[in-house]
């Protein structure tokens, strides 16, 4: 009897909090983002992005080193400083990568083919990101881009990511390590790094989403993601080196690989949540009920999108709706 009363009190407290958060946007909005991320298979896409990112980082860095070596052939000092800054911002394996990754060699057609093959091996993570963003915006699989348009979008995103990553890491390095700068200059450099991260995400969200989403709708998530990525660049490496690599007695020789996977997972989670902020804000998918007992219009709209976005052919909507209605005990 006592346990039943405790259960009832717990349920009442949960219902009270659910109704309370729906009346307070500051709490309701992040809860709605979390719920939508769960419905959009955010955990699955985070794992996929981490996996593909782990195998994409090496070929993409190889292409980057090759292009920098070609474009800055006449200025090896600037090339070396630029590469040092970029690799220094990659936690755990940055130093090892700088020692082991070299540029591709060759002339003319052979070099182009080599760069193309290496780039193809590295854009898997971007193709997964496209699928994730299209899922978030509830775009039917029928309207996802075909092979060549999808490849073009992925290559465009890689160019944006590469350029923004170099610019943002240089700015972050100046802001953090240049102790001779004044306080105002250091703050300006921090803001510049955040701005570059936000602009990178803004363009990536636009390029990798099939839906004609306006630029203004992508700004909230880009700003939130830009700030979060800067914080991760500053603090993520410290966390991983102390927590993950500090447990090398447990992980053994796998500690470094696990640390890199953790860092990539954090990056993927930030990017996906930032994209989800745009979806929830643009479609006004809040407030939501996290208990399922106090459903709102936003809940119904989100449920309807989840039911219909996997439709692959015309006429499947009715069948899917009937199955949902029959499972919920209603007649279509």
Protein backbone atom coordinates (compact mmCIF):
# COMPACT_ATOMS: atom_id res chain seq x y z
CA UNK A 1 0.00 0.00 0.00
CA UNK A 2 2.79 2.39 0.90
CA UNK A 3 4.52 1.71 -2.43
CA UNK A 4 1.28 2.34 -4.30
CA UNK A 5 0.86 5.69 -2.55
CA UNK A 6 4.44 6.62 -3.37
CA UNK A 7 3.80 5.67 -7.01
CA UNK A 8 0.66 7.80 -7.10
CA UNK A 9 2.46 10.75 -5.55
CA UNK A 10 5.28 10.34 -8.06
CA UNK A 11 2.80 10.28 -10.95
CA UNK A 12 1.00 13.36 -9.63
CA UNK A 13 4.30 15.24 -9.25
CA UNK A 14 5.29 14.24 -12.79
CA UNK A 15 1.95 15.41 -14.20
CA UNK A 16 2.20 18.68 -12.26
CA UNK A 17 5.69 19.33 -13.64
CA UNK A 18 4.54 18.41 -17.16
CA UNK A 19 1.73 20.97 -17.05
CA UNK A 20 4.00 23.53 -15.39
CA UNK A 21 6.76 23.27 -18.02
CA UNK A 22 4.20 23.67 -20.80
CA UNK A 23 3.36 27.11 -19.41
CA UNK A 24 7.00 28.24 -19.22
CA UNK A 25 8.75 28.52 -22.62
CA UNK A 26 12.23 28.64 -21.08
CA UNK A 27 11.73 25.07 -19.87
CA UNK A 28 9.24 23.87 -22.50
CA UNK A 29 11.42 24.67 -25.51
CA UNK A 30 14.51 22.58 -24.57
CA UNK A 31 12.24 19.71 -23.50
CA UNK A 32 10.53 19.88 -26.90
CA UNK A 33 13.92 19.86 -28.65
CA UNK A 34 14.93 16.77 -26.67
CA UNK A 35 11.65 14.97 -27.47
CA UNK A 36 11.86 15.83 -31.16
CA UNK A 37 15.49 14.67 -31.27
CA UNK A 38 14.42 11.33 -29.83
CA UNK A 39 11.61 11.00 -32.40
CA UNK A 40 14.03 11.88 -35.21
CA UNK A 41 16.37 9.01 -34.22
CA UNK A 42 18.92 11.48 -32.90
CA UNK A 43 20.77 8.86 -30.88
CA UNK A 44 21.05 6.62 -33.93
CA UNK A 45 22.31 9.43 -36.16
CA UNK A 46 24.80 10.50 -33.47
CA UNK A 47 26.26 6.99 -33.49
CA UNK A 48 26.34 6.91 -37.31
CA UNK A 49 28.02 10.31 -37.53
CA UNK A 50 30.60 9.27 -34.93
CA UNK A 51 31.33 6.03 -36.78
CA UNK A 52 31.62 7.61 -40.22
CA UNK A 53 33.46 10.60 -38.77
CA UNK A 54 36.08 8.30 -37.26
CA UNK A 55 36.85 6.82 -40.69
CA UNK A 56 36.40 10.12 -42.55
CA UNK A 57 38.71 12.32 -40.51
CA UNK A 58 41.90 10.73 -41.84
CA UNK A 59 41.16 10.93 -45.60
CA UNK A 60 39.69 14.43 -45.25
CA UNK A 61 42.79 15.64 -43.42
CA UNK A 62 44.94 14.03 -46.11
CA UNK A 63 43.08 15.98 -48.79
CA UNK A 64 43.39 19.17 -46.74
CA UNK A 65 47.14 18.74 -46.29
CA UNK A 66 47.50 18.04 -50.02
CA UNK A 67 45.56 21.14 -51.05
CA UNK A 68 47.40 23.35 -48.57
CA UNK A 69 50.73 22.01 -49.78
CA UNK A 70 49.76 22.75 -53.37
CA UNK A 71 48.30 26.23 -52.75
CA UNK A 72 51.05 27.36 -50.33
CA UNK A 73 53.95 25.72 -52.12
CA UNK A 74 55.81 29.02 -52.27
CA UNK A 75 55.30 29.78 -48.57
CA UNK A 76 56.22 26.69 -46.51
CA UNK A 77 56.45 28.70 -43.26
CA UNK A 78 52.82 29.85 -43.47
CA UNK A 79 51.74 26.33 -44.46
CA UNK A 80 53.54 24.82 -41.45
CA UNK A 81 52.05 27.35 -39.01
CA UNK A 82 48.56 26.84 -40.41
CA UNK A 83 48.80 23.06 -40.13
CA UNK A 84 50.19 23.31 -36.58
CA UNK A 85 47.20 25.40 -35.54
CA UNK A 86 44.67 23.07 -37.15
CA UNK A 87 46.12 19.86 -35.72
CA UNK A 88 46.53 21.47 -32.29
CA UNK A 89 42.75 21.92 -32.11
CA UNK A 90 42.10 18.21 -32.67
CA UNK A 91 42.18 16.59 -29.23
CA UNK A 92 43.93 13.35 -28.38
CA UNK A 93 45.44 12.47 -31.75
CA UNK A 94 46.27 15.86 -33.23
CA UNK A 95 50.00 15.57 -32.64
CA UNK A 96 50.15 12.00 -33.94
CA UNK A 97 48.10 12.91 -37.00
CA UNK A 98 50.40 15.79 -37.87
CA UNK A 99 53.38 13.44 -37.78
CA UNK A 100 51.79 10.66 -39.81
CA UNK A 101 49.49 12.37 -42.33
CA UNK A 102 51.24 13.65 -45.39
CA UNK A 103 50.01 15.14 -48.60
CA UNK A 104 49.32 13.09 -51.71
CA UNK A 105 51.96 13.25 -54.39
CA UNK A 106 51.73 13.24 -58.13
CA UNK A 107 51.24 15.54 -61.07
CA UNK A 108 48.23 16.62 -63.07
CA UNK A 109 45.64 13.95 -63.74
CA UNK A 110 47.12 11.40 -61.32
CA UNK A 111 46.97 13.87 -58.42
CA UNK A 112 43.39 14.83 -59.24
CA UNK A 113 42.33 11.18 -59.28
CA UNK A 114 44.13 10.49 -56.00
CA UNK A 115 42.49 13.49 -54.31
CA UNK A 116 39.10 12.48 -55.71
CA UNK A 117 39.33 8.91 -54.41
CA UNK A 118 40.53 10.06 -50.98
CA UNK A 119 37.78 12.68 -50.80
CA UNK A 120 35.18 10.05 -51.70
CA UNK A 121 36.37 7.94 -48.78
CA UNK A 122 35.94 10.90 -46.46
CA UNK A 123 32.49 12.26 -47.29
CA UNK A 124 30.50 9.41 -45.76
CA UNK A 125 29.94 11.46 -42.62
CA UNK A 126 28.47 14.32 -44.68
CA UNK A 127 26.08 12.01 -46.50
CA UNK A 128 24.80 10.72 -43.16
CA UNK A 129 24.34 14.32 -41.98
CA UNK A 130 22.16 14.96 -45.05
CA UNK A 131 19.90 12.07 -44.13
CA UNK A 132 19.68 13.30 -40.54
CA UNK A 133 18.69 16.86 -41.51
CA UNK A 134 16.13 15.67 -44.06
CA UNK A 135 14.63 13.39 -41.41
CA UNK A 136 14.42 16.27 -38.93
CA UNK A 137 12.55 18.47 -41.40
CA UNK A 138 10.15 15.56 -42.12
CA UNK A 139 11.04 15.39 -45.79
CA UNK A 140 9.61 12.28 -47.43
CA UNK A 141 12.20 9.77 -48.57
CA UNK A 142 10.74 10.15 -52.08
CA UNK A 143 12.07 13.73 -52.14
CA UNK A 144 15.55 13.00 -50.85
CA UNK A 145 18.22 13.89 -53.43
CA UNK A 146 19.42 11.32 -55.94
CA UNK A 147 23.00 10.09 -56.01
CA UNK A 148 24.69 12.93 -57.94
CA UNK A 149 22.80 15.85 -56.34
CA UNK A 150 23.49 14.30 -52.95
CA UNK A 151 27.17 13.98 -53.82
CA UNK A 152 27.31 17.61 -54.98
CA UNK A 153 25.75 18.81 -51.74
CA UNK A 154 28.20 16.70 -49.74
CA UNK A 155 31.21 18.13 -51.59
CA UNK A 156 29.93 21.66 -51.11
CA UNK A 157 29.52 21.04 -47.40
CA UNK A 158 33.06 19.62 -47.15
CA UNK A 159 34.48 22.79 -48.72
CA UNK A 160 32.53 24.96 -46.28
CA UNK A 161 33.52 22.80 -43.30
CA UNK A 162 37.18 22.76 -44.26
CA UNK A 163 37.47 26.52 -44.75
CA UNK A 164 35.45 27.37 -41.65
CA UNK A 165 37.34 24.86 -39.52
CA UNK A 166 40.68 26.39 -40.46
CA UNK A 167 39.43 29.94 -39.88
CA UNK A 168 37.70 29.10 -36.59
CA UNK A 169 40.64 27.17 -35.16
CA UNK A 170 43.07 29.95 -36.07
CA UNK A 171 40.82 32.49 -34.33
CA UNK A 172 40.39 30.22 -31.31
CA UNK A 173 44.13 29.64 -31.10
CA UNK A 174 44.81 33.38 -31.13
CA UNK A 175 42.16 34.03 -28.50
CA UNK A 176 43.33 31.32 -26.10
CA UNK A 177 47.09 31.22 -26.47
CA UNK A 178 48.05 34.79 -27.39
CA UNK A 179 48.59 36.13 -23.88
CA UNK A 180 50.11 39.37 -25.14
CA UNK A 181 46.73 40.51 -26.51
CA UNK A 182 44.61 42.92 -24.53
CA UNK A 183 41.38 41.74 -22.90
CA UNK A 184 39.29 43.47 -25.56
CA UNK A 185 41.27 41.82 -28.35
CA UNK A 186 40.96 38.39 -26.74
CA UNK A 187 37.19 38.80 -26.35
CA UNK A 188 36.96 39.94 -29.97
CA UNK A 189 38.82 36.83 -31.10
CA UNK A 190 36.56 34.57 -29.02
CA UNK A 191 33.48 36.18 -30.56
CA UNK A 192 35.05 35.82 -34.01
CA UNK A 193 35.60 32.10 -33.43
CA UNK A 194 31.98 31.67 -32.32
CA UNK A 195 30.75 33.66 -35.31
CA UNK A 196 32.77 31.54 -37.74
CA UNK A 197 31.39 28.35 -36.19
CA UNK A 198 27.85 29.74 -36.45
CA UNK A 199 28.32 30.77 -40.09
CA UNK A 200 29.73 27.32 -40.88
CA UNK A 201 26.69 25.62 -39.36
CA UNK A 202 24.32 28.06 -41.05
CA UNK A 203 25.67 27.24 -44.51
CA UNK A 204 25.90 23.50 -43.79
CA UNK A 205 22.28 23.40 -42.58
CA UNK A 206 21.21 25.18 -45.76
CA UNK A 207 23.29 23.10 -48.18
CA UNK A 208 22.47 19.70 -46.68
CA UNK A 209 18.70 20.16 -46.36
CA UNK A 210 16.50 19.48 -49.38
CA UNK A 211 13.59 21.51 -48.04
CA UNK A 212 13.50 25.18 -49.00
CA UNK A 213 14.08 26.41 -45.47
CA UNK A 214 14.73 30.14 -45.18
CA UNK A 215 18.05 31.41 -43.87
CA UNK A 216 16.31 33.16 -40.97
CA UNK A 217 14.87 29.86 -39.74
CA UNK A 218 18.38 28.41 -39.50
CA UNK A 219 19.91 31.20 -37.43
CA UNK A 220 18.86 30.11 -33.88
CA UNK A 221 20.41 26.65 -34.14
CA UNK A 222 23.50 28.00 -35.90
CA UNK A 223 24.15 30.50 -33.10
CA UNK A 224 23.55 27.94 -30.34
CA UNK A 225 25.72 25.39 -32.14
CA UNK A 226 28.49 27.91 -32.83
CA UNK A 227 28.79 28.79 -29.15
CA UNK A 228 28.65 25.12 -28.12
CA UNK A 229 31.33 24.09 -30.62
CA UNK A 230 33.63 26.82 -29.35
CA UNK A 231 33.12 25.59 -25.79
CA UNK A 232 33.84 22.04 -26.94
CA UNK A 233 37.04 23.17 -28.68
CA UNK A 234 38.09 24.82 -25.44
CA UNK A 235 37.00 22.23 -22.87
CA UNK A 236 36.33 18.97 -24.74
CA UNK A 237 39.97 18.04 -25.15
CA UNK A 238 40.66 18.59 -21.45
CA UNK A 239 37.70 16.39 -20.47
CA UNK A 240 38.68 13.56 -22.79
CA UNK A 241 42.35 13.62 -21.84
CA UNK A 242 41.58 13.54 -18.10
CA UNK A 243 38.57 11.19 -18.07
CA UNK A 244 39.03 8.88 -21.08
CA UNK A 245 42.78 8.76 -21.52
CA UNK A 246 43.18 8.85 -17.74
CA UNK A 247 41.51 5.45 -17.69
CA UNK A 248 44.13 3.91 -19.96
CA UNK A 249 44.61 1.12 -17.40
CA UNK A 250 41.07 -0.01 -18.27
CA UNK A 251 40.96 0.76 -21.98
CA UNK A 252 44.56 -0.14 -22.69
CA UNK A 253 45.73 0.51 -26.24
CA UNK A 254 42.16 1.39 -27.29
CA UNK A 255 42.05 4.50 -25.06
CA UNK A 256 43.12 6.86 -27.85
CA UNK A 257 40.59 5.52 -30.36
CA UNK A 258 37.82 5.63 -27.74
CA UNK A 259 38.77 9.21 -26.85
CA UNK A 260 38.54 10.29 -30.47
CA UNK A 261 35.16 8.57 -30.83
CA UNK A 262 33.88 10.35 -27.71
CA UNK A 263 34.99 13.71 -29.11
CA UNK A 264 33.34 13.00 -32.48
CA UNK A 265 30.18 11.91 -30.66
CA UNK A 266 30.07 15.20 -28.76
CA UNK A 267 30.50 17.16 -32.00
CA UNK A 268 27.74 15.13 -33.68
CA UNK A 269 25.39 15.62 -30.74
CA UNK A 270 25.92 19.39 -30.75
CA UNK A 271 25.32 19.66 -34.51
CA UNK A 272 22.17 17.51 -34.43
CA UNK A 273 20.68 19.34 -31.44
CA UNK A 274 21.47 22.67 -33.08
CA UNK A 275 19.63 21.55 -36.22
CA UNK A 276 16.73 20.35 -34.06
CA UNK A 277 16.44 23.79 -32.45
CA UNK A 278 15.72 25.21 -35.90
CA UNK A 279 13.03 22.62 -36.60
CA UNK A 280 11.22 23.10 -33.29
CA UNK A 281 11.38 26.89 -33.52
CA UNK A 282 10.36 27.13 -37.20
CA UNK A 283 7.44 24.70 -36.89
CA UNK A 284 6.47 25.85 -33.37
CA UNK A 285 6.63 22.28 -32.08
CA UNK A 286 6.38 23.35 -28.46
CA UNK A 287 5.22 23.02 -25.78
CA UNK A 288 5.17 19.23 -25.69
CA UNK A 289 4.23 16.61 -23.12
CA UNK A 290 7.13 14.44 -22.00
CA UNK A 291 4.81 12.11 -20.09
CA UNK A 292 2.37 11.51 -22.95
CA UNK A 293 -0.57 12.29 -20.68
CA UNK A 294 -1.07 15.98 -21.45
CA UNK A 295 -0.78 16.07 -25.22
CA UNK A 296 -0.72 19.40 -27.05
CA UNK A 297 -1.21 20.46 -30.66
CA UNK A 298 2.56 20.37 -31.07
CA UNK A 299 2.56 16.72 -29.98
CA UNK A 300 -0.12 15.83 -32.53
CA UNK A 301 1.70 17.67 -35.31
CA UNK A 302 5.01 15.98 -34.51
CA UNK A 303 3.38 12.53 -34.33
CA UNK A 304 1.75 13.12 -37.74
CA UNK A 305 5.07 14.08 -39.31
CA UNK A 306 6.81 11.02 -37.91
CA UNK A 307 4.06 8.79 -39.36
CA UNK A 308 4.17 10.23 -42.86
CA UNK A 309 7.79 11.13 -43.59
CA UNK A 310 8.87 7.54 -44.36
CA UNK A 311 6.28 7.20 -47.13
CA UNK A 312 7.88 5.92 -50.32
CA UNK A 313 4.96 5.94 -52.76
CA UNK A 314 1.67 7.71 -53.38
CA UNK A 315 -1.27 6.14 -51.58
CA UNK A 316 0.81 4.85 -48.71
CA UNK A 317 -0.37 7.71 -46.46
CA UNK A 318 -3.82 6.24 -46.04
CA UNK A 319 -2.48 2.80 -45.18
CA UNK A 320 -0.05 4.20 -42.66
CA UNK A 321 -2.73 6.35 -41.06
CA UNK A 322 -5.14 3.39 -40.84
CA UNK A 323 -2.51 1.27 -39.14
CA UNK A 324 -1.86 4.05 -36.61
CA UNK A 325 -5.58 4.58 -35.98
CA UNK A 326 -6.27 0.87 -35.50
CA UNK A 327 -3.33 0.55 -33.10
CA UNK A 328 -4.66 3.48 -31.06
CA UNK A 329 -8.14 2.00 -30.92
CA UNK A 330 -9.90 4.37 -33.35
CA UNK A 331 -11.58 3.73 -36.70
CA UNK A 332 -10.44 5.42 -39.87
